[in-house]
Protein backbone atom coordinates (compact mmCIF):
# COMPACT_ATOMS: atom_id res chain seq x y z
CA MET A 1 -14.87 73.21 34.57
CA ALA A 2 -12.51 70.55 35.89
CA TYR A 3 -13.08 66.95 35.00
CA ALA A 4 -11.61 63.89 36.69
CA ILE A 5 -11.17 60.79 34.57
CA GLU A 6 -13.41 58.35 36.40
CA PRO A 7 -13.80 54.88 34.90
CA SER A 8 -16.91 52.91 35.71
CA ASP A 9 -15.03 50.41 37.86
CA GLY A 10 -14.35 53.02 40.55
CA ARG A 11 -10.69 53.79 39.85
CA THR A 12 -9.85 57.45 39.31
CA LEU A 13 -6.90 58.89 37.45
CA ARG A 14 -5.44 61.90 39.22
CA THR A 15 -5.58 64.25 36.26
CA GLN A 16 -7.82 67.32 36.20
CA VAL A 17 -8.45 68.93 32.81
CA SER A 18 -10.44 71.99 31.76
CA ILE A 19 -12.98 70.97 29.14
CA ASP A 20 -15.53 73.80 29.05
CA PRO A 21 -14.71 74.77 25.43
CA LEU A 22 -15.05 71.16 24.35
CA TRP A 23 -18.50 70.82 25.89
CA GLN A 24 -19.48 74.05 24.13
CA SER A 25 -18.44 72.59 20.81
CA VAL A 26 -20.64 69.58 21.48
CA ASP A 27 -23.57 71.72 22.61
CA ASN A 28 -23.54 73.76 19.40
CA GLY A 29 -23.63 70.62 17.29
CA SER A 30 -20.11 70.53 15.91
CA HIS A 31 -18.67 67.07 15.28
CA ALA A 32 -22.08 65.55 15.94
CA ASP A 33 -21.30 62.81 13.48
CA ARG A 34 -18.86 61.03 15.76
CA PRO A 35 -19.33 59.37 19.16
CA PHE A 36 -18.30 61.53 22.08
CA SER A 37 -16.70 60.88 25.41
CA PRO A 38 -15.07 63.76 27.26
CA LEU A 39 -11.49 62.50 27.39
CA HIS A 40 -11.69 59.30 25.42
CA VAL A 41 -9.53 57.17 27.65
CA PRO A 42 -10.00 53.54 26.57
CA ARG A 43 -10.73 51.00 29.28
CA THR A 44 -7.54 49.14 28.32
CA LEU A 45 -5.56 52.22 29.39
CA LEU A 46 -6.99 52.32 32.89
CA SER A 47 -4.45 50.57 35.02
CA ASP A 48 -3.22 50.57 38.58
CA ASP A 49 0.29 51.56 37.40
CA ALA A 50 1.10 54.84 39.13
CA GLU A 51 3.81 55.66 36.59
CA PHE A 52 1.39 55.43 33.71
CA ASP A 53 -1.18 57.50 35.60
CA GLU A 54 1.46 60.21 36.07
CA LEU A 55 2.33 59.98 32.39
CA LEU A 56 -1.28 60.59 31.35
CA GLY A 57 -1.45 63.45 33.80
CA GLU A 58 1.60 65.06 32.19
CA ILE A 59 0.04 64.73 28.72
CA PHE A 60 -3.23 66.34 29.78
CA GLU A 61 -1.40 69.15 31.59
CA ARG A 62 0.47 69.93 28.38
CA ILE A 63 -2.77 69.95 26.44
CA GLU A 64 -4.34 72.30 28.98
CA ALA A 65 -1.30 74.59 28.76
CA GLY A 66 -1.75 74.87 24.99
CA SER A 67 1.07 72.53 24.00
CA ALA A 68 0.80 69.74 21.45
CA PRO A 69 2.30 66.53 22.86
CA SER A 70 4.25 64.59 20.26
CA PRO A 71 3.36 60.89 20.12
CA GLU A 72 6.85 60.09 18.84
CA GLU A 73 8.40 61.84 21.85
CA TYR A 74 6.40 59.84 24.36
CA LEU A 75 6.86 56.55 22.54
CA GLN A 76 10.61 57.12 22.60
CA ARG A 77 10.64 58.14 26.29
CA TYR A 78 8.33 55.38 27.50
CA PRO A 79 8.84 52.28 25.33
CA GLN A 80 7.37 50.12 28.12
CA PHE A 81 3.99 51.80 27.48
CA ALA A 82 4.20 51.69 23.68
CA ASP A 83 0.94 49.80 23.19
CA GLU A 84 -1.01 51.90 25.67
CA LEU A 85 0.31 55.22 24.31
CA THR A 86 -0.35 54.20 20.73
CA GLU A 87 -3.95 53.33 21.60
CA PHE A 88 -4.38 56.55 23.57
CA PHE A 89 -3.09 58.90 20.87
CA ARG A 90 -4.99 57.09 18.13
CA ASN A 91 -8.13 57.29 20.29
CA GLN A 92 -7.67 61.04 20.72
CA ALA A 93 -7.16 61.58 17.01
CA TRP A 94 -10.30 59.64 16.06
CA PHE A 95 -12.79 60.80 18.67
CA ALA A 96 -11.74 64.34 19.43
CA ALA A 97 -9.66 65.79 16.63
CA PRO A 98 -10.03 68.47 15.59
CA ALA A 99 -12.47 69.36 18.38
CA LEU A 100 -10.18 68.36 21.26
CA ALA A 101 -7.10 69.73 19.56
CA GLU A 102 -8.69 73.12 18.92
CA THR A 103 -10.70 73.59 22.09
CA LEU A 104 -8.51 72.14 24.81
CA ALA A 105 -5.61 74.19 23.49
CA GLY A 106 -7.65 77.40 23.69
CA ASP A 107 -6.27 80.01 21.30
CA SER A 108 -3.21 78.00 20.39
CA GLU A 109 -2.73 76.29 17.08
CA PRO A 110 -4.60 72.98 16.70
CA MET A 111 -2.66 69.78 17.21
CA VAL A 112 -1.60 68.18 13.94
CA ALA A 113 0.74 65.38 13.06
CA ALA A 114 4.35 66.36 13.59
CA SER A 115 6.19 68.00 10.72
CA PHE A 116 9.66 66.72 9.89
CA VAL A 117 10.81 69.72 7.87
CA GLY A 118 14.59 70.05 8.31
CA CYS A 119 15.06 66.40 9.27
CA GLU A 120 17.44 64.06 7.48
CA VAL A 121 15.37 61.10 6.33
CA GLY A 122 17.79 58.56 4.98
CA PRO A 123 19.72 60.31 2.18
CA TYR A 124 17.12 63.09 1.97
CA ARG A 125 16.83 66.44 3.74
CA LEU A 126 13.20 67.51 4.02
CA ILE A 127 12.79 71.11 2.85
CA GLU A 128 9.05 71.82 3.05
CA GLU A 129 5.71 70.08 3.27
CA ILE A 130 3.90 70.22 -0.07
CA ALA A 131 0.91 67.92 0.39
CA ARG A 132 -0.94 66.13 3.18
CA GLY A 133 -3.61 63.49 2.65
CA GLY A 134 -5.53 60.92 4.64
CA MET A 135 -2.62 58.47 4.74
CA GLY A 136 0.58 60.26 3.81
CA VAL A 137 2.52 63.51 3.99
CA VAL A 138 4.63 64.55 1.00
CA TYR A 139 7.71 66.75 1.40
CA ARG A 140 9.94 68.54 -1.04
CA ALA A 141 13.36 67.12 -0.25
CA LEU A 142 16.95 67.34 -1.36
CA GLN A 143 18.79 64.12 -2.14
CA THR A 144 22.12 65.33 -0.83
CA GLU A 145 24.35 62.77 -2.55
CA LEU A 146 23.01 63.61 -6.02
CA ASN A 147 22.07 67.21 -5.25
CA ARG A 148 18.62 66.82 -6.77
CA GLU A 149 15.18 67.71 -5.49
CA VAL A 150 12.69 64.88 -5.04
CA ALA A 151 9.39 64.27 -3.31
CA VAL A 152 9.47 62.13 -0.15
CA LYS A 153 6.31 60.61 1.28
CA LEU A 154 5.95 59.43 4.88
CA ILE A 155 2.94 57.87 6.51
CA SER A 156 0.96 60.65 8.19
CA SER A 157 0.17 58.73 11.40
CA GLY A 158 3.88 58.07 11.93
CA ALA A 159 4.70 55.82 14.84
CA MET A 160 0.99 55.41 15.58
CA ALA A 161 0.31 53.75 12.24
CA SER A 162 -1.76 50.59 12.45
CA PRO A 163 -0.65 47.38 10.72
CA GLU A 164 -3.31 48.01 8.06
CA GLU A 165 -2.00 51.53 7.39
CA LEU A 166 1.58 50.28 7.21
CA ARG A 167 0.60 47.52 4.83
CA ARG A 168 -1.34 49.92 2.62
CA PHE A 169 1.50 52.45 2.59
CA ARG A 170 4.08 49.84 1.69
CA GLN A 171 1.80 48.47 -0.99
CA GLU A 172 1.60 51.92 -2.57
CA ALA A 173 5.37 52.00 -2.87
CA GLU A 174 5.60 48.44 -4.17
CA ALA A 175 2.85 48.96 -6.74
CA ALA A 176 4.26 52.21 -8.12
CA ALA A 177 7.82 50.87 -8.11
CA GLN A 178 6.81 48.12 -10.55
CA LEU A 179 5.40 50.58 -13.06
CA HIS A 180 7.59 52.39 -15.58
CA HIS A 181 5.39 54.54 -17.78
CA PRO A 182 5.79 58.14 -18.97
CA ASN A 183 2.48 59.11 -17.35
CA ILE A 184 3.09 57.46 -13.95
CA VAL A 185 5.18 59.22 -11.31
CA PRO A 186 8.26 56.98 -10.85
CA ILE A 187 9.49 55.72 -7.47
CA TYR A 188 13.20 56.14 -6.74
CA ASP A 189 13.73 54.57 -3.36
CA VAL A 190 11.95 52.87 -0.45
CA GLY A 191 13.41 52.93 3.04
CA SER A 192 12.79 53.11 6.78
CA TRP A 193 13.55 55.97 9.17
CA ARG A 194 12.86 56.00 12.93
CA GLY A 195 10.59 53.01 12.44
CA GLN A 196 8.62 54.74 9.68
CA THR A 197 8.46 53.62 6.09
CA TYR A 198 9.08 56.28 3.46
CA PHE A 199 9.61 56.40 -0.27
CA SER A 200 10.97 58.97 -2.68
CA MET A 201 9.70 59.83 -6.13
CA THR A 202 10.02 62.38 -8.89
CA LEU A 203 9.08 65.89 -7.79
CA ILE A 204 6.32 67.20 -10.06
CA GLU A 205 6.39 70.99 -10.16
CA GLY A 206 2.87 71.89 -11.16
CA GLU A 207 -0.81 71.54 -10.35
CA SER A 208 -3.28 68.68 -10.39
CA LEU A 209 -6.34 68.05 -12.51
CA GLN A 210 -8.36 69.03 -9.42
CA ASP A 211 -7.07 72.56 -9.98
CA TRP A 212 -8.38 72.35 -13.55
CA VAL A 213 -11.77 71.18 -12.28
CA ALA A 214 -11.99 73.94 -9.67
CA SER A 215 -10.94 76.73 -12.02
CA ARG A 216 -12.84 75.46 -15.10
CA ARG A 217 -9.97 76.78 -17.21
CA CYS A 218 -9.15 73.69 -19.26
CA THR A 219 -10.61 73.30 -22.72
CA ILE A 220 -12.54 70.23 -23.84
CA GLN A 221 -9.55 69.30 -26.02
CA GLN A 222 -7.19 69.48 -23.02
CA ALA A 223 -9.58 67.41 -20.89
CA VAL A 224 -9.85 64.67 -23.52
CA VAL A 225 -6.10 64.53 -24.12
CA ALA A 226 -5.35 64.35 -20.38
CA VAL A 227 -7.82 61.52 -19.75
CA ARG A 228 -6.60 59.67 -22.84
CA GLU A 229 -3.00 59.75 -21.57
CA ILE A 230 -4.01 58.63 -18.09
CA ALA A 231 -6.17 55.87 -19.62
CA ARG A 232 -3.04 54.62 -21.40
CA ALA A 233 -1.16 54.64 -18.09
CA VAL A 234 -4.01 52.82 -16.33
CA SER A 235 -4.11 50.25 -19.14
CA TYR A 236 -0.39 49.68 -18.64
CA ALA A 237 -0.93 49.14 -14.90
CA HIS A 238 -3.82 46.75 -15.55
CA ARG A 239 -1.69 44.66 -17.90
CA ARG A 240 0.73 44.25 -15.02
CA GLY A 241 -2.06 43.16 -12.72
CA ILE A 242 -2.46 46.39 -10.73
CA VAL A 243 -5.77 48.19 -10.18
CA HIS A 244 -5.46 51.75 -8.83
CA ARG A 245 -8.91 51.97 -7.10
CA ASP A 246 -8.59 55.67 -6.20
CA LEU A 247 -8.41 57.51 -9.51
CA LYS A 248 -9.50 61.13 -9.11
CA PRO A 249 -8.37 64.55 -10.37
CA ALA A 250 -6.32 65.20 -7.21
CA ASN A 251 -4.21 62.10 -7.93
CA ILE A 252 -3.30 63.24 -11.43
CA LEU A 253 -0.54 65.85 -11.45
CA VAL A 254 0.42 68.03 -14.40
CA ASP A 255 4.14 68.66 -14.93
CA GLY A 256 5.78 71.76 -16.35
CA GLU A 257 5.28 70.51 -19.91
CA GLY A 258 1.55 69.92 -19.40
CA LYS A 259 1.91 66.14 -19.23
CA PRO A 260 -0.51 64.41 -16.82
CA MET A 261 1.16 62.10 -14.29
CA LEU A 262 -0.68 59.47 -12.26
CA THR A 263 0.27 59.08 -8.62
CA ASP A 264 -0.98 57.81 -5.24
CA PHE A 265 -1.31 54.04 -5.51
CA GLY A 266 -2.25 53.82 -1.83
CA LEU A 267 -5.35 51.71 -2.55
CA ALA A 268 -3.87 49.72 -5.41
CA LYS A 269 -4.37 45.96 -5.48
CA TRP A 270 -3.05 43.08 -7.49
CA HIS A 271 -6.07 41.63 -9.28
CA ARG A 272 -4.49 38.64 -10.98
CA ASP A 273 -3.77 36.67 -7.84
CA GLY A 274 -6.83 37.96 -6.02
CA SER A 275 -4.86 39.59 -3.21
CA ALA A 276 -6.32 42.75 -1.71
CA LEU A 277 -5.87 44.89 1.34
CA THR A 278 -9.44 44.35 2.48
CA GLN A 279 -11.55 41.24 2.21
CA THR A 280 -14.30 42.29 4.59
CA GLY A 281 -16.45 44.64 2.55
CA GLN A 282 -14.72 47.79 3.83
CA ILE A 283 -15.36 50.73 1.50
CA LEU A 284 -12.10 52.17 0.15
CA GLY A 285 -11.77 55.08 -2.24
CA THR A 286 -13.06 58.60 -2.79
CA PRO A 287 -16.88 58.65 -2.85
CA ASN A 288 -17.33 61.17 -5.70
CA TYR A 289 -15.21 59.06 -8.06
CA MET A 290 -16.03 55.63 -6.69
CA SER A 291 -17.65 52.93 -8.82
CA PRO A 292 -20.94 51.40 -7.63
CA GLU A 293 -19.24 48.10 -6.85
CA GLN A 294 -16.77 49.92 -4.56
CA ALA A 295 -19.56 51.92 -2.95
CA SER A 296 -21.43 48.70 -2.18
CA GLY A 297 -18.41 47.35 -0.28
CA SER A 298 -17.89 44.49 -2.73
CA THR A 299 -14.55 42.70 -2.54
CA LYS A 300 -14.73 41.95 -6.28
CA ILE A 301 -13.07 45.16 -7.48
CA GLY A 302 -11.39 44.80 -10.87
CA PRO A 303 -10.12 47.00 -13.72
CA SER A 304 -13.66 48.12 -14.57
CA ALA A 305 -13.69 50.19 -11.35
CA ASP A 306 -10.79 52.24 -12.72
CA ILE A 307 -12.64 52.67 -16.04
CA TYR A 308 -15.61 54.08 -14.13
CA ALA A 309 -13.27 56.46 -12.29
CA LEU A 310 -11.67 57.59 -15.57
CA GLY A 311 -15.15 58.45 -16.82
CA ALA A 312 -15.79 60.35 -13.58
CA VAL A 313 -12.55 62.32 -14.02
CA LEU A 314 -13.53 63.17 -17.61
CA TYR A 315 -17.00 64.17 -16.41
CA SER A 316 -15.50 66.51 -13.80
CA LEU A 317 -13.20 68.17 -16.32
CA LEU A 318 -16.09 68.70 -18.73
CA THR A 319 -18.64 69.97 -16.20
CA GLY A 320 -16.68 71.33 -13.24
CA GLN A 321 -18.22 68.82 -10.82
CA PRO A 322 -18.06 65.07 -10.19
CA PRO A 323 -20.88 62.78 -11.45
CA HIS A 324 -22.37 62.51 -7.96
CA CYS A 325 -22.36 65.30 -5.37
CA GLY A 326 -23.81 65.59 -1.90
CA GLU A 327 -23.44 67.21 1.48
CA SER A 328 -22.27 64.01 3.17
CA THR A 329 -20.46 60.81 2.30
CA VAL A 330 -23.62 58.79 2.90
CA GLU A 331 -25.59 60.97 0.48
CA ILE A 332 -22.91 60.65 -2.20
CA LEU A 333 -22.65 56.86 -1.82
CA THR A 334 -26.44 56.57 -2.00
CA LYS A 335 -26.40 58.45 -5.31
CA VAL A 336 -23.52 56.37 -6.65
CA LEU A 337 -25.48 53.19 -5.88
CA GLY A 338 -28.91 54.29 -7.04
CA CYS A 339 -28.79 57.30 -9.38
CA GLU A 340 -27.69 57.93 -12.94
CA PRO A 341 -25.37 60.95 -13.41
CA VAL A 342 -26.83 64.01 -15.11
CA PRO A 343 -25.65 63.86 -18.76
CA PRO A 344 -22.65 66.21 -19.23
CA ARG A 345 -24.36 68.12 -22.06
CA GLU A 346 -27.02 69.30 -19.62
CA LEU A 347 -24.29 71.03 -17.60
CA ASN A 348 -22.05 72.13 -20.49
CA ARG A 349 -23.60 72.56 -23.93
CA GLU A 350 -20.14 72.61 -25.52
CA VAL A 351 -19.80 68.88 -24.85
CA SER A 352 -20.57 66.99 -28.05
CA SER A 353 -22.97 64.05 -28.15
CA ASP A 354 -20.09 61.70 -29.08
CA LEU A 355 -18.00 62.79 -26.09
CA GLN A 356 -21.03 62.44 -23.82
CA ARG A 357 -21.53 58.86 -25.04
CA ILE A 358 -17.89 58.04 -24.28
CA CYS A 359 -18.18 59.53 -20.81
CA MET A 360 -21.49 57.85 -19.99
CA GLU A 361 -20.30 54.45 -21.24
CA CYS A 362 -17.55 54.61 -18.61
CA LEU A 363 -20.15 55.51 -15.98
CA ASN A 364 -22.50 52.61 -16.59
CA HIS A 365 -23.72 51.07 -13.34
CA ASP A 366 -23.05 47.56 -14.62
CA PRO A 367 -19.29 46.89 -15.07
CA LYS A 368 -20.04 44.65 -18.06
CA GLU A 369 -21.52 47.63 -19.93
CA ARG A 370 -18.43 49.82 -19.57
CA TYR A 371 -15.44 49.73 -21.88
CA ALA A 372 -13.84 46.32 -21.60
CA THR A 373 -10.37 47.82 -21.04
CA ALA A 374 -8.82 51.21 -20.37
CA ALA A 375 -7.02 50.84 -23.71
CA GLU A 376 -10.39 50.71 -25.51
CA LEU A 377 -11.38 53.94 -23.76
CA ALA A 378 -8.10 55.59 -24.82
CA ASP A 379 -8.62 54.41 -28.41
CA ASP A 380 -12.15 55.83 -28.47
CA LEU A 381 -10.89 59.17 -27.17
CA ASP A 382 -8.27 59.07 -29.93
CA ARG A 383 -11.00 58.51 -32.50
CA TYR A 384 -12.95 61.42 -31.06
CA LEU A 385 -9.90 63.71 -31.28
CA ASN A 386 -9.28 62.63 -34.89
CA GLY A 387 -12.90 63.18 -35.89
CA ASP A 388 -13.52 59.47 -36.57
CA SER A 389 -16.57 57.42 -35.60
CA ILE A 390 -16.44 56.31 -31.98
CA SER A 391 -17.24 52.81 -30.73
CA ALA A 392 -19.40 53.86 -27.76
CA GLY A 393 -22.92 52.73 -28.56
CA HIS A 394 -25.97 54.92 -28.84
CA SER A 395 -28.18 54.74 -25.77
CA GLY A 396 -31.37 53.88 -27.64
CA MET A 397 -34.74 52.95 -26.22
CA PHE A 398 -34.19 49.18 -26.38
CA LEU A 399 -30.73 49.45 -24.83
CA GLU A 400 -32.13 51.56 -22.01
CA LEU A 401 -34.92 49.02 -21.49
CA ALA A 402 -32.42 46.16 -21.33
CA ARG A 403 -30.33 48.06 -18.79
CA THR A 404 -33.39 48.79 -16.70
CA LEU A 405 -34.39 45.13 -16.61
CA ARG A 406 -30.86 44.03 -15.67
CA ARG A 407 -30.33 46.64 -12.97
CA ASP A 408 -30.26 45.33 -9.40
CA GLN A 409 -29.50 47.94 -6.77
CA HIS A 410 -29.42 45.62 -3.76
CA TYR A 411 -28.28 42.33 -5.23
CA GLU A 412 -25.66 41.60 -2.58
CA HIS A 413 -28.14 42.36 0.20
CA PHE A 414 -30.79 39.89 -0.99
CA ARG A 415 -28.45 37.23 -2.23
CA ASN A 416 -29.06 33.85 -0.53
CA TRP A 417 -32.82 34.40 -0.28
CA GLY A 418 -33.35 31.66 -2.90
CA LYS A 419 -34.52 28.82 -0.64
CA ALA A 420 -36.86 31.05 1.34
CA LEU A 421 -38.49 32.36 -1.85
CA VAL A 422 -38.97 28.82 -3.22
CA LEU A 423 -40.71 27.72 -0.02
CA MET A 424 -42.87 30.85 0.04
CA GLY A 425 -43.97 30.28 -3.56
CA LEU A 426 -44.74 26.65 -2.84
CA SER A 427 -46.79 27.58 0.26
CA ILE A 428 -48.87 30.07 -1.72
CA PHE A 429 -49.46 27.66 -4.60
CA LEU A 430 -50.47 24.72 -2.38
CA ALA A 431 -52.83 26.95 -0.40
CA HIS A 432 -54.61 27.98 -3.62
CA VAL A 433 -54.74 24.38 -4.83
CA ALA A 434 -56.49 23.53 -1.55
CA ILE A 435 -58.89 26.47 -2.00
CA PHE A 436 -59.70 25.35 -5.53
CA VAL A 437 -60.39 21.74 -4.45
CA LEU A 438 -62.58 22.79 -1.50
CA VAL A 439 -64.56 25.24 -3.65
CA ARG A 440 -65.13 22.58 -6.33
CA ARG A 441 -66.41 20.21 -3.65
CA GLY A 442 -69.01 22.73 -2.56
CA HIS A 443 -67.63 23.80 0.83
CA SER A 444 -68.69 27.15 2.24
CA ASP A 445 -66.58 30.21 1.51
CA TRP A 446 -65.38 30.33 5.12
CA ALA A 447 -64.13 26.75 5.01
CA ALA A 448 -62.88 26.80 1.42
CA TYR A 449 -61.07 30.14 1.45
CA TRP A 450 -60.13 31.05 4.98
CA THR A 451 -58.86 27.73 6.33
CA PRO A 452 -56.13 27.35 3.63
CA ARG A 453 -55.34 31.04 3.91
CA CYS A 454 -54.72 30.69 7.65
CA TYR A 455 -52.37 27.76 7.07
CA MET A 456 -50.63 29.76 4.30
CA ALA A 457 -50.15 32.76 6.61
CA VAL A 458 -48.60 30.55 9.30
CA ALA A 459 -46.30 28.86 6.76
CA LEU A 460 -45.13 32.16 5.26
CA THR A 461 -44.49 33.64 8.69
CA ALA A 462 -42.51 30.57 9.74
CA VAL A 463 -40.36 30.63 6.57
CA ILE A 464 -39.58 34.34 6.90
CA TYR A 465 -38.87 34.01 10.62
CA TYR A 466 -36.54 31.04 10.10
CA TYR A 467 -34.56 32.35 7.13
CA ARG A 468 -34.20 35.81 8.68
CA SER A 469 -32.69 34.47 11.90
CA GLY A 470 -35.66 34.99 14.15
CA THR A 471 -37.08 38.34 13.13
CA LEU A 472 -39.97 39.53 10.98
CA ARG A 473 -39.21 43.24 10.89
CA ALA A 474 -37.16 45.10 8.29
CA ARG A 475 -33.57 45.51 9.40
CA SER A 476 -32.05 47.69 6.69
CA VAL A 477 -32.71 50.54 4.30
CA ALA A 478 -32.88 48.00 1.47
CA GLU A 479 -35.58 45.94 3.22
CA ARG A 480 -37.88 48.69 4.50
CA PRO A 481 -39.44 49.64 1.15
CA ILE A 482 -40.08 45.96 0.38
CA TRP A 483 -41.80 45.49 3.73
CA SER A 484 -43.88 48.61 3.06
CA ILE A 485 -44.87 47.45 -0.44
CA TRP A 486 -46.05 44.02 0.64
CA MET A 487 -47.64 45.16 3.90
CA GLY A 488 -49.62 47.62 1.80
CA TYR A 489 -50.55 44.78 -0.55
CA LEU A 490 -51.79 42.61 2.34
CA VAL A 491 -53.75 45.45 3.94
CA ALA A 492 -55.44 46.32 0.63
CA LEU A 493 -56.16 42.67 -0.17
CA GLY A 494 -57.55 42.02 3.30
CA THR A 495 -59.80 45.08 3.03
CA MET A 496 -61.14 43.93 -0.34
CA ASN A 497 -61.88 40.47 1.05
CA ALA A 498 -63.71 42.02 4.00
CA ILE A 499 -65.81 44.20 1.66
CA LEU A 500 -66.78 41.21 -0.50
CA THR A 501 -67.67 39.18 2.61
CA LEU A 502 -69.82 41.98 4.03
CA ARG A 503 -71.63 42.39 0.72
CA GLY A 504 -72.18 38.66 0.38
CA THR A 505 -70.21 38.48 -2.86
CA SER A 506 -68.40 35.28 -3.81
CA GLN A 507 -64.73 35.26 -2.87
CA VAL A 508 -63.80 34.19 -6.39
CA GLU A 509 -64.46 37.78 -7.47
CA VAL A 510 -61.44 38.99 -5.54
CA PHE A 511 -58.82 37.31 -7.76
CA PRO A 512 -58.74 39.79 -10.67
CA PHE A 513 -58.23 42.58 -8.13
CA ALA A 514 -55.71 40.56 -6.14
CA SER A 515 -53.67 40.05 -9.33
CA THR A 516 -53.84 43.77 -10.02
CA LEU A 517 -52.50 44.54 -6.53
CA ALA A 518 -49.72 41.97 -6.99
CA ALA A 519 -48.84 43.61 -10.32
CA PHE A 520 -48.48 46.94 -8.53
CA GLY A 521 -46.23 45.33 -5.89
CA PHE A 522 -43.87 43.78 -8.43
CA VAL A 523 -43.66 46.97 -10.50
CA ALA A 524 -42.70 48.86 -7.32
CA LEU A 525 -40.18 46.11 -6.58
CA GLY A 526 -38.67 46.61 -10.04
CA GLY A 527 -37.91 50.22 -9.26
CA HIS A 528 -36.37 49.48 -5.89
CA VAL A 529 -34.52 46.20 -6.34
CA TRP A 530 -34.32 44.15 -9.54
CA GLY A 531 -35.55 45.55 -12.85
CA GLY A 532 -36.70 42.09 -13.94
CA SER A 533 -39.56 42.45 -11.46
CA TYR A 534 -41.26 44.75 -13.98
CA LEU A 535 -41.84 41.67 -16.17
CA LEU A 536 -43.28 39.79 -13.19
CA GLY A 537 -45.66 42.70 -12.67
CA GLY A 538 -46.69 42.33 -16.31
CA LEU A 539 -47.42 38.64 -15.68
CA PHE A 540 -49.93 39.57 -12.97
CA VAL A 541 -51.52 42.23 -15.19
CA VAL A 542 -52.22 39.58 -17.85
CA ASN A 543 -53.51 37.19 -15.18
CA ALA A 544 -55.85 39.89 -13.81
CA LEU A 545 -57.43 40.35 -17.23
CA VAL A 546 -57.71 36.61 -17.89
CA SER A 547 -59.17 35.96 -14.42
CA VAL A 548 -62.29 37.93 -15.32
CA PHE A 549 -63.30 35.21 -17.80
CA ILE A 550 -62.21 31.91 -16.19
CA GLY A 551 -64.29 31.82 -13.00
CA GLN A 552 -63.01 29.43 -10.33
CA TRP A 553 -59.92 28.60 -12.38
CA ALA A 554 -58.69 32.09 -11.45
CA ILE A 555 -57.85 30.61 -8.05
CA LEU A 556 -55.31 28.23 -9.56
CA SER A 557 -53.93 30.77 -12.03
CA PHE A 558 -53.35 33.26 -9.22
CA GLY A 559 -51.45 30.69 -7.11
CA ALA A 560 -49.47 29.55 -10.15
CA CYS A 561 -48.45 33.12 -10.98
CA TRP A 562 -47.17 33.61 -7.44
CA GLN A 563 -45.20 30.37 -7.56
CA LEU A 564 -43.67 31.31 -10.92
CA ALA A 565 -42.82 34.85 -9.83
CA LEU A 566 -41.16 33.75 -6.61
CA ALA A 567 -39.33 30.93 -8.43
CA VAL A 568 -37.85 33.51 -10.82
CA LEU A 569 -36.80 35.69 -7.89
CA ALA A 570 -35.39 32.63 -6.10
CA TYR A 571 -33.27 31.82 -9.16
CA ARG A 572 -32.08 35.42 -9.29
CA TYR A 573 -31.11 35.41 -5.62
CA ARG A 574 -29.86 31.87 -5.32
CA LYS A 575 -26.74 31.34 -3.25
CA ASP A 576 -24.44 30.50 -6.17
CA ALA A 577 -25.81 33.13 -8.57
CA PRO A 578 -23.12 35.12 -10.40
CA SER A 579 -23.07 38.79 -9.45
C-alpha cells in the first residue's frame, strides 16, 4: 500500500512509500512496547522548503529500494539541514528500528549503524568490528606508527549522537584514563575523527565473565578469585573518586593469562564532588545487576552500588543466572526493588554457607548493610580462599527482624507526606476527644458519635485533597495498595457501625473491633511500604485488648493510638528525613 506523509496541518510531503510489511509487523504484535506512527516524521521536520521535501523523498525511495541511507552521508551533503536530518534519523532509529529497517527494506539486510572497517581513524586502521553495545562500537585496529594491535571504540550513534551521549562517551574515556591498575583495561589515546570522539585501549584477546556465566564452566575457586581481583580494581577506582555504576559479567574481560580486566566506564561518575551525568532520576545501568537505589532512579548513587553489583556478578558465576531475572525490564526492576534474591545454595549446593553469606551481604537491599568498601569485600574473599573466618555476619533471626523493620520499599515516593500525616492524626484525635466529651455529657449516640465523625471525614478529605494537589485517587503502583487497604478498613468499619446501630448496641462496643481492623491495616502497610508499620499494628492489637475493659475511655485511647501512629509515620516521611 502507498502512504503519503500527511501532517495534521494540511501540508503533504510528496513522498510515497510502501509500508504493507510494516503494518503487518504491527498487526502481529511485534514491537508493541513502543509508540507507533507509520513514518515517524516529527512535526519540526514538516516545512515548506521544497529542497528538504525532495531530500526526504530521496531517503524514503532508497529505503523502499532496499538501500540503507547513511546519516553521515546526508549530514555531509546537506549541512544546512543538519538539525532536521539528525532529528529525523534519530526518530527513525527509536520508533521503527528494527521494524522499519527490516520490513521497509523487504528481504535486504536490516539497517544498522555504519561500519568503519578499513577506515583510518587518526593513527589507527580499523580491521574488524569485535563488539557493539548500546553506546559504543569497538574495533580491532592497527596503530600503524607502532605496528601494534589495539581496540578502538567509537560512539555507535556517530554523527547523530546527542549531547548527553557525547558527554557520557567522553566521560568513559576520561574516567578510565585516570585509572592505572593491573585489572583495569588501560586507555592509550583519546581523539576526534570526522566530528566523532574515539579512544583507543589495550586489546584483550579473550572472553568475558558473561561467557563463564553462560557456559557454567568456571569453578567456584575461579569465580571467587575473579571477583576478588575485580573488587580490588573497583576499590582502587573508588579511592580515586570514581564509581563504575555498570558492573556486570559482560564488562569484565579475561585476558590470555586468565586475568580479569574491568572495562566500560560509560556510566562512571565522580562521587567526591557530586557530579553526575544525570540529576533527574533517570535509571542508568543494567537491570539484572543494578542496585535497588539505581533501580529506584535515585541520584544518590555511591560506591555501595558497585558493591551490590560485585555481589551480583559473584552470584551469577556461582549459579549461572543473575540475582533477579524476568521477561521484561519492568519485571526485573520490580524484583530488584521488592524481592530478596534466592540464596545461591538453593541453586548450587556446592556453594558453601560462608560464600553464600559473603554474596548475600553484598546484595543487601539497604546500602548501609553491605560491605563498607570494595576492599573489605576483597579481604573477606581472601579469607574465604585461605580457609579463615569471614567477617560477613550470620543472618540470624534478630538480624532479619531488624532488617524487616528498617525496610522501606517506597520511601522516595512517600517522602514529604509528613505535614499531611500530622494533620490527619490531629483531626482523628480531636474528633475522638469531641466524641468522648459528648458521650460523657449524655448526648445521644447520633449526636455524640456521628457529628464529630462527619467533621473528621470532611477534614481528612480536605487534607488529602490539598496535599495531593487536588486529587483523591491513587496515582501510582505504590499508592494503589495503600488506598485498597484503607478503603477496605473504612468499608469494614462502616459496616460494623451499621450493624451495631441496627441492633441497638452502644457505639462504644465498636472500638475494640475498630482497633483490630486498624492493626490489620498497619500490618499490611508494613509488608508494602515501611517495615516499622508492623510495630504500629502491634500498638493497635494491644489497644484492642485493653479497650474491652476500659469502657468509654476506649474512645480516647483509639484516637490517641491513631495520632501516635500517624505522628510516627509523619516523622518517617518528613521532608528533611535522611534516606
